[in-house]
Amino acid sequence: MARVCDICGKGTVTGNSVPRSGQAKKKGGVGQHIGVKTRRLFRPNLVKVKTEVDGTVKTVKVCMKCLKAGKVIKKV
């Protein structure tokens, strides 16, 4: 099961988890030290929603951004 929005195509994106220690210089410290970067995943907030597609009720996976924007109308 793919973690992709059926409306906008938003999916999983990779990035870095960057641990920082120390106080920033502009806050009166001696500067921050960046630790070892670790790869991580940013996953979309997907919800299974029943909606009408071409006259039939289907279950689609939709991200919350599309749902809040009104691109999909929920059927009960």
PDB file of N, CA and C in Angstrom:
ATOM      1  N   MET A   1       0.837  -1.174   0.000  1.00  0.00           N
ATOM      2  CA  MET A   1       0.000   0.000   0.000  1.00  0.00           C
ATOM      3  C   MET A   1       0.885   1.240   0.000  1.00  0.00           C
ATOM      4  N   ALA A   2       0.787   2.028  -1.067  1.00  0.00           N
ATOM      5  CA  ALA A   2       1.633   3.202  -1.205  1.00  0.00           C
ATOM      6  C   ALA A   2       1.130   4.331  -0.313  1.00  0.00           C
ATOM      7  N   ARG A   3       2.043   5.069   0.275  1.00  0.00           N
ATOM      8  CA  ARG A   3       1.676   6.216   1.100  1.00  0.00           C
ATOM      9  C   ARG A   3       1.651   7.461   0.227  1.00  0.00           C
ATOM     10  N   VAL A   4       0.642   7.537  -0.647  1.00  0.00           N
ATOM     11  CA  VAL A   4       0.528   8.640  -1.589  1.00  0.00           C
ATOM     12  C   VAL A   4      -0.914   9.127  -1.589  1.00  0.00           C
ATOM     13  N   CYS A   5      -1.096  10.450  -1.625  1.00  0.00           N
ATOM     14  CA  CYS A   5      -2.425  11.041  -1.705  1.00  0.00           C
ATOM     15  C   CYS A   5      -2.980  10.808  -3.105  1.00  0.00           C
ATOM     16  N   ASP A   6      -4.221  10.321  -3.187  1.00  0.00           N
ATOM     17  CA  ASP A   6      -4.835  10.051  -4.483  1.00  0.00           C
ATOM     18  C   ASP A   6      -5.249  11.322  -5.206  1.00  0.00           C
ATOM     19  N   ILE A   7      -5.305  12.455  -4.523  1.00  0.00           N
ATOM     20  CA  ILE A   7      -5.725  13.709  -5.141  1.00  0.00           C
ATOM     21  C   ILE A   7      -4.539  14.517  -5.639  1.00  0.00           C
ATOM     22  N   CYS A   8      -3.599  14.830  -4.755  1.00  0.00           N
ATOM     23  CA  CYS A   8      -2.478  15.710  -5.136  1.00  0.00           C
ATOM     24  C   CYS A   8      -1.181  14.967  -5.418  1.00  0.00           C
ATOM     25  N   GLY A   9      -1.099  13.692  -5.018  1.00  0.00           N
ATOM     26  CA  GLY A   9       0.118  12.921  -5.282  1.00  0.00           C
ATOM     27  C   GLY A   9       1.223  13.112  -4.256  1.00  0.00           C
ATOM     28  N   LYS A  10       0.895  13.774  -3.150  1.00  0.00           N
ATOM     29  CA  LYS A  10       1.897  13.979  -2.089  1.00  0.00           C
ATOM     30  C   LYS A  10       2.303  12.634  -1.505  1.00  0.00           C
ATOM     31  N   GLY A  11       3.603  12.409  -1.343  1.00  0.00           N
ATOM     32  CA  GLY A  11       4.098  11.144  -0.829  1.00  0.00           C
ATOM     33  C   GLY A  11       5.197  11.329   0.195  1.00  0.00           C
ATOM     34  N   THR A  12       5.907  10.248   0.468  1.00  0.00           N
ATOM     35  CA  THR A  12       6.986  10.270   1.449  1.00  0.00           C
ATOM     36  C   THR A  12       8.193  11.009   0.896  1.00  0.00           C
ATOM     37  N   VAL A  13       8.797  11.862   1.736  1.00  0.00           N
ATOM     38  CA  VAL A  13       9.982  12.624   1.366  1.00  0.00           C
ATOM     39  C   VAL A  13      11.065  12.326   2.387  1.00  0.00           C
ATOM     40  N   THR A  14      12.318  12.222   1.940  1.00  0.00           N
ATOM     41  CA  THR A  14      13.421  11.961   2.858  1.00  0.00           C
ATOM     42  C   THR A  14      14.102  13.269   3.257  1.00  0.00           C
ATOM     43  N   GLY A  15      14.746  13.240   4.414  1.00  0.00           N
ATOM     44  CA  GLY A  15      15.460  14.408   4.917  1.00  0.00           C
ATOM     45  C   GLY A  15      16.432  13.991   5.996  1.00  0.00           C
ATOM     46  N   ASN A  16      16.901  14.941   6.767  1.00  0.00           N
ATOM     47  CA  ASN A  16      17.870  14.679   7.826  1.00  0.00           C
ATOM     48  C   ASN A  16      17.308  15.063   9.184  1.00  0.00           C
ATOM     49  N   SER A  17      17.635  14.266  10.190  1.00  0.00           N
ATOM     50  CA  SER A  17      17.396  14.624  11.570  1.00  0.00           C
ATOM     51  C   SER A  17      18.714  15.183  12.098  1.00  0.00           C
ATOM     52  N   VAL A  18      18.713  16.464  12.495  1.00  0.00           N
ATOM     53  CA  VAL A  18      19.952  17.136  12.872  1.00  0.00           C
ATOM     54  C   VAL A  18      19.907  17.500  14.343  1.00  0.00           C
ATOM     55  N   PRO A  19      20.610  16.736  15.197  1.00  0.00           N
ATOM     56  CA  PRO A  19      20.630  17.097  16.620  1.00  0.00           C
ATOM     57  C   PRO A  19      21.574  18.278  16.857  1.00  0.00           C
ATOM     58  N   ARG A  20      21.106  19.217  17.654  1.00  0.00           N
ATOM     59  CA  ARG A  20      21.919  20.403  17.951  1.00  0.00           C
ATOM     60  C   ARG A  20      22.088  20.505  19.464  1.00  0.00           C
ATOM     61  N   SER A  21      23.294  20.877  19.881  1.00  0.00           N
ATOM     62  CA  SER A  21      23.530  21.076  21.310  1.00  0.00           C
ATOM     63  C   SER A  21      24.271  22.387  21.501  1.00  0.00           C
ATOM     64  N   GLY A  22      24.034  23.018  22.610  1.00  0.00           N
ATOM     65  CA  GLY A  22      24.664  24.301  22.899  1.00  0.00           C
ATOM     66  C   GLY A  22      23.703  25.445  22.652  1.00  0.00           C
ATOM     67  N   GLN A  23      24.027  26.594  23.195  1.00  0.00           N
ATOM     68  CA  GLN A  23      23.179  27.767  23.054  1.00  0.00           C
ATOM     69  C   GLN A  23      23.652  28.613  21.863  1.00  0.00           C
ATOM     70  N   ALA A  24      22.697  29.133  21.086  1.00  0.00           N
ATOM     71  CA  ALA A  24      23.033  29.941  19.914  1.00  0.00           C
ATOM     72  C   ALA A  24      23.769  31.215  20.322  1.00  0.00           C
ATOM     73  N   LYS A  25      24.608  31.725  19.410  1.00  0.00           N
ATOM     74  CA  LYS A  25      25.381  32.934  19.704  1.00  0.00           C
ATOM     75  C   LYS A  25      24.484  34.132  19.950  1.00  0.00           C
ATOM     76  N   LYS A  26      23.396  34.248  19.172  1.00  0.00           N
ATOM     77  CA  LYS A  26      22.529  35.403  19.358  1.00  0.00           C
ATOM     78  C   LYS A  26      21.731  35.339  20.661  1.00  0.00           C
ATOM     79  N   LYS A  27      21.767  34.175  21.315  1.00  0.00           N
ATOM     80  CA  LYS A  27      21.132  34.052  22.640  1.00  0.00           C
ATOM     81  C   LYS A  27      22.160  34.137  23.766  1.00  0.00           C
ATOM     82  N   GLY A  28      23.409  34.477  23.433  1.00  0.00           N
ATOM     83  CA  GLY A  28      24.427  34.673  24.455  1.00  0.00           C
ATOM     84  C   GLY A  28      25.352  33.499  24.672  1.00  0.00           C
ATOM     85  N   GLY A  29      25.248  32.465  23.840  1.00  0.00           N
ATOM     86  CA  GLY A  29      26.104  31.290  23.992  1.00  0.00           C
ATOM     87  C   GLY A  29      27.338  31.372  23.115  1.00  0.00           C
ATOM     88  N   VAL A  30      28.060  30.257  23.030  1.00  0.00           N
ATOM     89  CA  VAL A  30      29.276  30.212  22.220  1.00  0.00           C
ATOM     90  C   VAL A  30      29.026  29.559  20.858  1.00  0.00           C
ATOM     91  N   GLY A  31      27.785  29.236  20.571  1.00  0.00           N
ATOM     92  CA  GLY A  31      27.450  28.658  19.271  1.00  0.00           C
ATOM     93  C   GLY A  31      26.960  27.226  19.409  1.00  0.00           C
ATOM     94  N   GLN A  32      26.188  26.804  18.431  1.00  0.00           N
ATOM     95  CA  GLN A  32      25.643  25.457  18.465  1.00  0.00           C
ATOM     96  C   GLN A  32      26.585  24.471  17.793  1.00  0.00           C
ATOM     97  N   HIS A  33      26.598  23.253  18.339  1.00  0.00           N
ATOM     98  CA  HIS A  33      27.364  22.164  17.742  1.00  0.00           C
ATOM     99  C   HIS A  33      26.379  21.229  17.058  1.00  0.00           C
ATOM    100  N   ILE A  34      26.629  20.940  15.786  1.00  0.00           N
ATOM    101  CA  ILE A  34      25.772  20.030  15.025  1.00  0.00           C
ATOM    102  C   ILE A  34      26.315  18.617  15.195  1.00  0.00           C
ATOM    103  N   GLY A  35      25.442  17.701  15.598  1.00  0.00           N
ATOM    104  CA  GLY A  35      25.842  16.312  15.778  1.00  0.00           C
ATOM    105  C   GLY A  35      25.815  15.554  14.460  1.00  0.00           C
ATOM    106  N   VAL A  36      25.766  14.248  14.534  1.00  0.00           N
ATOM    107  CA  VAL A  36      25.742  13.393  13.350  1.00  0.00           C
ATOM    108  C   VAL A  36      24.353  13.454  12.738  1.00  0.00           C
ATOM    109  N   LYS A  37      24.287  13.723  11.412  1.00  0.00           N
ATOM    110  CA  LYS A  37      22.999  13.757  10.717  1.00  0.00           C
ATOM    111  C   LYS A  37      22.525  12.341  10.454  1.00  0.00           C
ATOM    112  N   THR A  38      21.249  12.096  10.732  1.00  0.00           N
ATOM    113  CA  THR A  38      20.646  10.789  10.515  1.00  0.00           C
ATOM    114  C   THR A  38      19.502  10.955   9.525  1.00  0.00           C
ATOM    115  N   ARG A  39      19.421  10.043   8.551  1.00  0.00           N
ATOM    116  CA  ARG A  39      18.349  10.099   7.563  1.00  0.00           C
ATOM    117  C   ARG A  39      17.012   9.780   8.233  1.00  0.00           C
ATOM    118  N   ARG A  40      15.960  10.455   7.796  1.00  0.00           N
ATOM    119  CA  ARG A  40      14.623  10.210   8.330  1.00  0.00           C
ATOM    120  C   ARG A  40      13.597  10.393   7.223  1.00  0.00           C
ATOM    121  N   LEU A  41      12.336  10.056   7.528  1.00  0.00           N
ATOM    122  CA  LEU A  41      11.263  10.144   6.552  1.00  0.00           C
ATOM    123  C   LEU A  41      10.206  11.144   7.019  1.00  0.00           C
ATOM    124  N   PHE A  42       9.724  11.948   6.090  1.00  0.00           N
ATOM    125  CA  PHE A  42       8.593  12.831   6.326  1.00  0.00           C
ATOM    126  C   PHE A  42       7.415  12.218   5.585  1.00  0.00           C
ATOM    127  N   ARG A  43       6.420  11.737   6.332  1.00  0.00           N
ATOM    128  CA  ARG A  43       5.281  11.054   5.722  1.00  0.00           C
ATOM    129  C   ARG A  43       4.056  11.954   5.741  1.00  0.00           C
ATOM    130  N   PRO A  44       3.242  11.909   4.684  1.00  0.00           N
ATOM    131  CA  PRO A  44       2.031  12.739   4.656  1.00  0.00           C
ATOM    132  C   PRO A  44       0.980  12.212   5.623  1.00  0.00           C
ATOM    133  N   ASN A  45       0.116  13.098   6.083  1.00  0.00           N
ATOM    134  CA  ASN A  45      -0.963  12.740   6.995  1.00  0.00           C
ATOM    135  C   ASN A  45      -2.144  12.255   6.150  1.00  0.00           C
ATOM    136  N   LEU A  46      -2.188  10.949   5.877  1.00  0.00           N
ATOM    137  CA  LEU A  46      -3.212  10.380   5.015  1.00  0.00           C
ATOM    138  C   LEU A  46      -4.378   9.825   5.823  1.00  0.00           C
ATOM    139  N   VAL A  47      -5.584   9.944   5.241  1.00  0.00           N
ATOM    140  CA  VAL A  47      -6.798   9.438   5.846  1.00  0.00           C
ATOM    141  C   VAL A  47      -7.587   8.723   4.762  1.00  0.00           C
ATOM    142  N   LYS A  48      -8.160   7.547   5.115  1.00  0.00           N
ATOM    143  CA  LYS A  48      -9.033   6.851   4.176  1.00  0.00           C
ATOM    144  C   LYS A  48     -10.429   7.473   4.280  1.00  0.00           C
ATOM    145  N   VAL A  49     -10.956   7.931   3.126  1.00  0.00           N
ATOM    146  CA  VAL A  49     -12.227   8.632   3.098  1.00  0.00           C
ATOM    147  C   VAL A  49     -13.112   8.014   2.024  1.00  0.00           C
ATOM    148  N   LYS A  50     -14.392   7.814   2.365  1.00  0.00           N
ATOM    149  CA  LYS A  50     -15.351   7.376   1.354  1.00  0.00           C
ATOM    150  C   LYS A  50     -15.877   8.609   0.639  1.00  0.00           C
ATOM    151  N   THR A  51     -15.749   8.611  -0.702  1.00  0.00           N
ATOM    152  CA  THR A  51     -16.197   9.740  -1.499  1.00  0.00           C
ATOM    153  C   THR A  51     -16.791   9.230  -2.804  1.00  0.00           C
ATOM    154  N   GLU A  52     -17.533  10.085  -3.473  1.00  0.00           N
ATOM    155  CA  GLU A  52     -18.170   9.695  -4.728  1.00  0.00           C
ATOM    156  C   GLU A  52     -17.240  10.006  -5.893  1.00  0.00           C
ATOM    157  N   VAL A  53     -16.888   8.949  -6.666  1.00  0.00           N
ATOM    158  CA  VAL A  53     -16.032   9.091  -7.834  1.00  0.00           C
ATOM    159  C   VAL A  53     -16.767   8.488  -9.020  1.00  0.00           C
ATOM    160  N   ASP A  54     -17.082   9.310 -10.023  1.00  0.00           N
ATOM    161  CA  ASP A  54     -17.796   8.873 -11.229  1.00  0.00           C
ATOM    162  C   ASP A  54     -19.118   8.176 -10.896  1.00  0.00           C
ATOM    163  N   GLY A  55     -19.854   8.710  -9.920  1.00  0.00           N
ATOM    164  CA  GLY A  55     -21.156   8.167  -9.582  1.00  0.00           C
ATOM    165  C   GLY A  55     -21.162   6.996  -8.629  1.00  0.00           C
ATOM    166  N   THR A  56     -19.993   6.451  -8.285  1.00  0.00           N
ATOM    167  CA  THR A  56     -19.919   5.337  -7.344  1.00  0.00           C
ATOM    168  C   THR A  56     -19.137   5.766  -6.109  1.00  0.00           C
ATOM    169  N   VAL A  57     -19.499   5.189  -4.968  1.00  0.00           N
ATOM    170  CA  VAL A  57     -18.807   5.511  -3.714  1.00  0.00           C
ATOM    171  C   VAL A  57     -17.565   4.638  -3.609  1.00  0.00           C
ATOM    172  N   LYS A  58     -16.408   5.287  -3.461  1.00  0.00           N
ATOM    173  CA  LYS A  58     -15.133   4.570  -3.350  1.00  0.00           C
ATOM    174  C   LYS A  58     -14.370   5.088  -2.142  1.00  0.00           C
ATOM    175  N   THR A  59     -13.472   4.256  -1.626  1.00  0.00           N
ATOM    176  CA  THR A  59     -12.572   4.662  -0.551  1.00  0.00           C
ATOM    177  C   THR A  59     -11.256   5.104  -1.159  1.00  0.00           C
ATOM    178  N   VAL A  60     -10.855   6.330  -0.864  1.00  0.00           N
ATOM    179  CA  VAL A  60      -9.597   6.867  -1.388  1.00  0.00           C
ATOM    180  C   VAL A  60      -8.750   7.362  -0.226  1.00  0.00           C
ATOM    181  N   LYS A  61      -7.439   7.380  -0.458  1.00  0.00           N
ATOM    182  CA  LYS A  61      -6.511   7.912   0.537  1.00  0.00           C
ATOM    183  C   LYS A  61      -6.233   9.369   0.194  1.00  0.00           C
ATOM    184  N   VAL A  62      -6.524  10.256   1.149  1.00  0.00           N
ATOM    185  CA  VAL A  62      -6.424  11.688   0.911  1.00  0.00           C
ATOM    186  C   VAL A  62      -5.602  12.311   2.030  1.00  0.00           C
ATOM    187  N   CYS A  63      -4.709  13.249   1.683  1.00  0.00           N
ATOM    188  CA  CYS A  63      -3.966  13.962   2.722  1.00  0.00           C
ATOM    189  C   CYS A  63      -4.894  15.002   3.350  1.00  0.00           C
ATOM    190  N   MET A  64      -4.604  15.376   4.577  1.00  0.00           N
ATOM    191  CA  MET A  64      -5.461  16.297   5.314  1.00  0.00           C
ATOM    192  C   MET A  64      -5.495  17.673   4.668  1.00  0.00           C
ATOM    193  N   LYS A  65      -4.456  18.054   3.946  1.00  0.00           N
ATOM    194  CA  LYS A  65      -4.437  19.352   3.282  1.00  0.00           C
ATOM    195  C   LYS A  65      -5.513  19.423   2.197  1.00  0.00           C
ATOM    196  N   CYS A  66      -5.663  18.323   1.427  1.00  0.00           N
ATOM    197  CA  CYS A  66      -6.697  18.263   0.389  1.00  0.00           C
ATOM    198  C   CYS A  66      -8.089  18.196   1.021  1.00  0.00           C
ATOM    199  N   LEU A  67      -8.216  17.471   2.118  1.00  0.00           N
ATOM    200  CA  LEU A  67      -9.508  17.337   2.793  1.00  0.00           C
ATOM    201  C   LEU A  67      -9.965  18.678   3.361  1.00  0.00           C
ATOM    202  N   LYS A  68      -9.050  19.420   3.984  1.00  0.00           N
ATOM    203  CA  LYS A  68      -9.391  20.727   4.550  1.00  0.00           C
ATOM    204  C   LYS A  68      -9.690  21.750   3.458  1.00  0.00           C
ATOM    205  N   ALA A  69      -9.013  21.620   2.296  1.00  0.00           N
ATOM    206  CA  ALA A  69      -9.210  22.565   1.199  1.00  0.00           C
ATOM    207  C   ALA A  69     -10.528  22.326   0.467  1.00  0.00           C
ATOM    208  N   GLY A  70     -11.189  21.200   0.751  1.00  0.00           N
ATOM    209  CA  GLY A  70     -12.464  20.921   0.126  1.00  0.00           C
ATOM    210  C   GLY A  70     -12.355  20.282  -1.254  1.00  0.00           C
ATOM    211  N   LYS A  71     -11.199  19.713  -1.559  1.00  0.00           N
ATOM    212  CA  LYS A  71     -11.016  19.038  -2.847  1.00  0.00           C
ATOM    213  C   LYS A  71     -11.749  17.701  -2.886  1.00  0.00           C
ATOM    214  N   VAL A  72     -12.125  17.173  -1.698  1.00  0.00           N
ATOM    215  CA  VAL A  72     -12.852  15.918  -1.580  1.00  0.00           C
ATOM    216  C   VAL A  72     -14.021  16.135  -0.639  1.00  0.00           C
ATOM    217  N   ILE A  73     -15.186  15.615  -1.009  1.00  0.00           N
ATOM    218  CA  ILE A  73     -16.356  15.701  -0.149  1.00  0.00           C
ATOM    219  C   ILE A  73     -16.639  14.325   0.413  1.00  0.00           C
ATOM    220  N   LYS A  74     -16.682  14.208   1.746  1.00  0.00           N
ATOM    221  CA  LYS A  74     -16.893  12.919   2.406  1.00  0.00           C
ATOM    222  C   LYS A  74     -18.322  12.461   2.231  1.00  0.00           C
ATOM    223  N   LYS A  75     -18.478  11.144   1.990  1.00  0.00           N
ATOM    224  CA  LYS A  75     -19.786  10.505   1.951  1.00  0.00           C
ATOM    225  C   LYS A  75     -19.928   9.655   3.197  1.00  0.00           C
ATOM    226  N   VAL A  76     -21.103   9.685   3.806  1.00  0.00           N
ATOM    227  CA  VAL A  76     -21.315   8.910   5.022  1.00  0.00           C
ATOM    228  C   VAL A  76     -22.127   7.677   4.723  1.00  0.00           C
TER     229      VAL A  76
END
